[in-house]
């Protein structure tokens, strides 16, 4: 069993556009060459148009790749 955790704290901007993903890969380990965890950090580019969308898209693409 692998324990994973993450935290994100908003900076000076009112909205935190950052994203993160932690996935325990143990069930997929054999298919993925022995990898045990996927950790993804997506910087939301605060202050730029659609920064939150970019961050969410990166996280969801990563999740979809692993979970199918």
N, C-alpha and C. Protein backbone atom coordinates (compact mmCIF):
# COMPACT_ATOMS: atom_id res chain seq x y z
N UNK A 1 0.84 -1.17 0.00
CA UNK A 1 0.00 0.00 0.00
C UNK A 1 0.88 1.23 0.00
N UNK A 2 0.59 2.16 -0.86
CA UNK A 2 1.30 3.42 -0.94
C UNK A 2 0.40 4.53 -0.43
N UNK A 3 0.92 5.37 0.47
CA UNK A 3 0.15 6.51 0.94
C UNK A 3 0.59 7.74 0.17
N UNK A 4 -0.38 8.46 -0.39
CA UNK A 4 -0.10 9.65 -1.15
C UNK A 4 -0.94 10.80 -0.60
N UNK A 5 -0.41 11.99 -0.72
CA UNK A 5 -1.17 13.16 -0.29
C UNK A 5 -0.65 14.39 -1.00
N UNK A 6 -1.45 15.44 -0.98
CA UNK A 6 -1.06 16.69 -1.64
C UNK A 6 -1.82 17.84 -0.99
N UNK A 7 -1.28 19.02 -1.17
CA UNK A 7 -1.91 20.22 -0.65
C UNK A 7 -1.57 21.38 -1.57
N UNK A 8 -2.48 22.31 -1.70
CA UNK A 8 -2.24 23.50 -2.51
C UNK A 8 -2.79 24.70 -1.76
N UNK A 9 -1.97 25.72 -1.65
CA UNK A 9 -2.37 26.93 -0.94
C UNK A 9 -2.33 28.09 -1.93
N UNK A 10 -3.44 28.82 -2.02
CA UNK A 10 -3.49 29.96 -2.94
C UNK A 10 -2.52 31.04 -2.50
N UNK A 11 -1.90 31.68 -3.48
CA UNK A 11 -0.98 32.78 -3.21
C UNK A 11 -1.75 34.09 -3.12
N UNK A 12 -1.19 35.15 -3.66
CA UNK A 12 -1.81 36.46 -3.53
C UNK A 12 -3.06 36.64 -4.39
N UNK A 13 -3.30 35.75 -5.35
CA UNK A 13 -4.48 35.88 -6.20
C UNK A 13 -5.70 35.29 -5.50
N UNK A 14 -6.90 35.80 -5.81
CA UNK A 14 -8.11 35.33 -5.13
C UNK A 14 -8.51 33.90 -5.49
N UNK A 15 -8.09 33.42 -6.65
CA UNK A 15 -8.47 32.07 -7.08
C UNK A 15 -7.21 31.24 -7.30
N UNK A 16 -7.20 30.04 -6.75
CA UNK A 16 -6.07 29.13 -6.95
C UNK A 16 -6.34 28.32 -8.21
N UNK A 17 -5.54 28.52 -9.25
CA UNK A 17 -5.72 27.83 -10.52
C UNK A 17 -4.83 26.60 -10.65
N UNK A 18 -4.04 26.31 -9.65
CA UNK A 18 -3.14 25.17 -9.69
C UNK A 18 -3.94 23.88 -9.53
N UNK A 19 -3.36 22.80 -10.01
CA UNK A 19 -3.99 21.50 -9.86
C UNK A 19 -2.95 20.46 -9.50
N UNK A 20 -3.41 19.39 -8.87
CA UNK A 20 -2.52 18.28 -8.57
C UNK A 20 -3.28 16.98 -8.64
N UNK A 21 -2.55 15.91 -8.85
CA UNK A 21 -3.13 14.58 -8.95
C UNK A 21 -2.17 13.59 -8.32
N UNK A 22 -2.68 12.73 -7.49
CA UNK A 22 -1.89 11.62 -6.95
C UNK A 22 -2.67 10.33 -7.21
N UNK A 23 -2.01 9.37 -7.80
CA UNK A 23 -2.66 8.08 -8.09
C UNK A 23 -1.74 6.96 -7.62
N UNK A 24 -2.29 6.06 -6.85
CA UNK A 24 -1.59 4.84 -6.45
C UNK A 24 -1.60 3.90 -7.65
N UNK A 25 -0.45 3.62 -8.21
CA UNK A 25 -0.34 2.79 -9.41
C UNK A 25 -0.18 1.32 -9.12
N UNK A 26 -0.24 0.93 -7.87
CA UNK A 26 -0.03 -0.47 -7.52
C UNK A 26 -0.87 -1.42 -8.38
N UNK A 27 -2.17 -1.13 -8.61
CA UNK A 27 -2.96 -2.05 -9.44
C UNK A 27 -2.49 -2.11 -10.90
N UNK A 28 -1.77 -1.11 -11.36
CA UNK A 28 -1.30 -1.04 -12.74
C UNK A 28 0.20 -1.24 -12.85
N UNK A 29 0.84 -1.58 -11.76
CA UNK A 29 2.30 -1.60 -11.68
C UNK A 29 2.95 -2.50 -12.72
N UNK A 30 2.42 -3.68 -12.92
CA UNK A 30 3.03 -4.61 -13.88
C UNK A 30 2.98 -4.03 -15.29
N UNK A 31 1.85 -3.47 -15.68
CA UNK A 31 1.68 -2.88 -17.01
C UNK A 31 2.58 -1.66 -17.20
N UNK A 32 2.89 -0.96 -16.10
CA UNK A 32 3.66 0.28 -16.18
C UNK A 32 5.12 0.11 -15.78
N UNK A 33 5.62 -1.09 -15.87
CA UNK A 33 7.04 -1.34 -15.64
C UNK A 33 7.49 -1.17 -14.20
N UNK A 34 6.59 -1.42 -13.25
CA UNK A 34 6.96 -1.37 -11.84
C UNK A 34 6.71 -0.04 -11.16
N UNK A 35 6.21 0.95 -11.87
CA UNK A 35 5.92 2.24 -11.24
C UNK A 35 4.85 2.07 -10.17
N UNK A 36 5.00 2.79 -9.05
CA UNK A 36 4.06 2.63 -7.94
C UNK A 36 3.19 3.85 -7.68
N UNK A 37 3.57 5.00 -8.23
CA UNK A 37 2.77 6.20 -7.98
C UNK A 37 2.93 7.19 -9.13
N UNK A 38 1.85 7.93 -9.38
CA UNK A 38 1.89 9.03 -10.34
C UNK A 38 1.58 10.30 -9.57
N UNK A 39 2.49 11.26 -9.65
CA UNK A 39 2.32 12.55 -9.00
C UNK A 39 2.40 13.62 -10.08
N UNK A 40 1.34 14.40 -10.23
CA UNK A 40 1.29 15.43 -11.26
C UNK A 40 0.99 16.76 -10.60
N UNK A 41 1.75 17.77 -10.96
CA UNK A 41 1.51 19.15 -10.51
C UNK A 41 1.32 19.99 -11.76
N UNK A 42 0.21 20.72 -11.82
CA UNK A 42 -0.08 21.56 -12.98
C UNK A 42 -0.22 23.01 -12.50
N UNK A 43 0.69 23.86 -12.93
CA UNK A 43 0.65 25.27 -12.57
C UNK A 43 -0.42 25.95 -13.40
N UNK A 44 -1.36 26.61 -12.75
CA UNK A 44 -2.50 27.20 -13.44
C UNK A 44 -2.22 28.51 -14.15
N UNK A 45 -1.00 29.02 -14.14
CA UNK A 45 -0.65 30.26 -14.83
C UNK A 45 -1.56 31.40 -14.39
N UNK A 46 -1.65 31.61 -13.10
CA UNK A 46 -2.51 32.66 -12.54
C UNK A 46 -2.37 33.98 -13.26
N UNK A 47 -3.49 34.60 -13.53
CA UNK A 47 -3.49 35.88 -14.20
C UNK A 47 -3.60 35.78 -15.71
N UNK A 48 -3.41 34.59 -16.27
CA UNK A 48 -3.54 34.40 -17.71
C UNK A 48 -4.93 33.86 -18.04
N UNK A 49 -5.41 34.16 -19.21
CA UNK A 49 -6.72 33.67 -19.64
C UNK A 49 -6.73 32.14 -19.63
N UNK A 50 -7.74 31.59 -19.02
CA UNK A 50 -7.95 30.13 -18.98
C UNK A 50 -6.85 29.35 -18.28
N UNK A 51 -6.18 29.97 -17.32
CA UNK A 51 -5.14 29.26 -16.56
C UNK A 51 -5.70 28.07 -15.81
N UNK A 52 -6.89 28.23 -15.21
CA UNK A 52 -7.51 27.12 -14.48
C UNK A 52 -7.90 26.00 -15.44
N UNK A 53 -8.38 26.35 -16.62
CA UNK A 53 -8.75 25.34 -17.62
C UNK A 53 -7.52 24.55 -18.06
N UNK A 54 -6.41 25.24 -18.27
CA UNK A 54 -5.17 24.56 -18.67
C UNK A 54 -4.73 23.57 -17.59
N UNK A 55 -4.80 23.98 -16.35
CA UNK A 55 -4.41 23.13 -15.24
C UNK A 55 -5.32 21.89 -15.16
N UNK A 56 -6.63 22.11 -15.21
CA UNK A 56 -7.59 21.00 -15.14
C UNK A 56 -7.40 20.04 -16.32
N UNK A 57 -7.13 20.59 -17.51
CA UNK A 57 -6.95 19.74 -18.69
C UNK A 57 -5.74 18.83 -18.53
N UNK A 58 -4.66 19.36 -18.01
CA UNK A 58 -3.45 18.55 -17.79
C UNK A 58 -3.71 17.44 -16.79
N UNK A 59 -4.41 17.77 -15.72
CA UNK A 59 -4.72 16.76 -14.69
C UNK A 59 -5.63 15.67 -15.26
N UNK A 60 -6.69 16.07 -15.95
CA UNK A 60 -7.63 15.09 -16.50
C UNK A 60 -6.99 14.24 -17.58
N UNK A 61 -6.12 14.79 -18.40
CA UNK A 61 -5.42 13.99 -19.42
C UNK A 61 -4.53 12.96 -18.75
N UNK A 62 -3.86 13.32 -17.67
CA UNK A 62 -3.01 12.39 -16.92
C UNK A 62 -3.86 11.27 -16.32
N UNK A 63 -4.97 11.66 -15.70
CA UNK A 63 -5.86 10.66 -15.09
C UNK A 63 -6.39 9.70 -16.16
N UNK A 64 -6.83 10.23 -17.29
CA UNK A 64 -7.39 9.41 -18.36
C UNK A 64 -6.34 8.43 -18.91
N UNK A 65 -5.10 8.87 -19.02
CA UNK A 65 -4.05 8.00 -19.52
C UNK A 65 -3.87 6.76 -18.64
N UNK A 66 -3.94 6.97 -17.33
CA UNK A 66 -3.74 5.85 -16.41
C UNK A 66 -5.00 5.01 -16.23
N UNK A 67 -6.12 5.67 -16.02
CA UNK A 67 -7.35 4.95 -15.66
C UNK A 67 -8.18 4.54 -16.87
N UNK A 68 -7.86 5.12 -18.03
CA UNK A 68 -8.54 4.73 -19.26
C UNK A 68 -9.90 5.24 -19.44
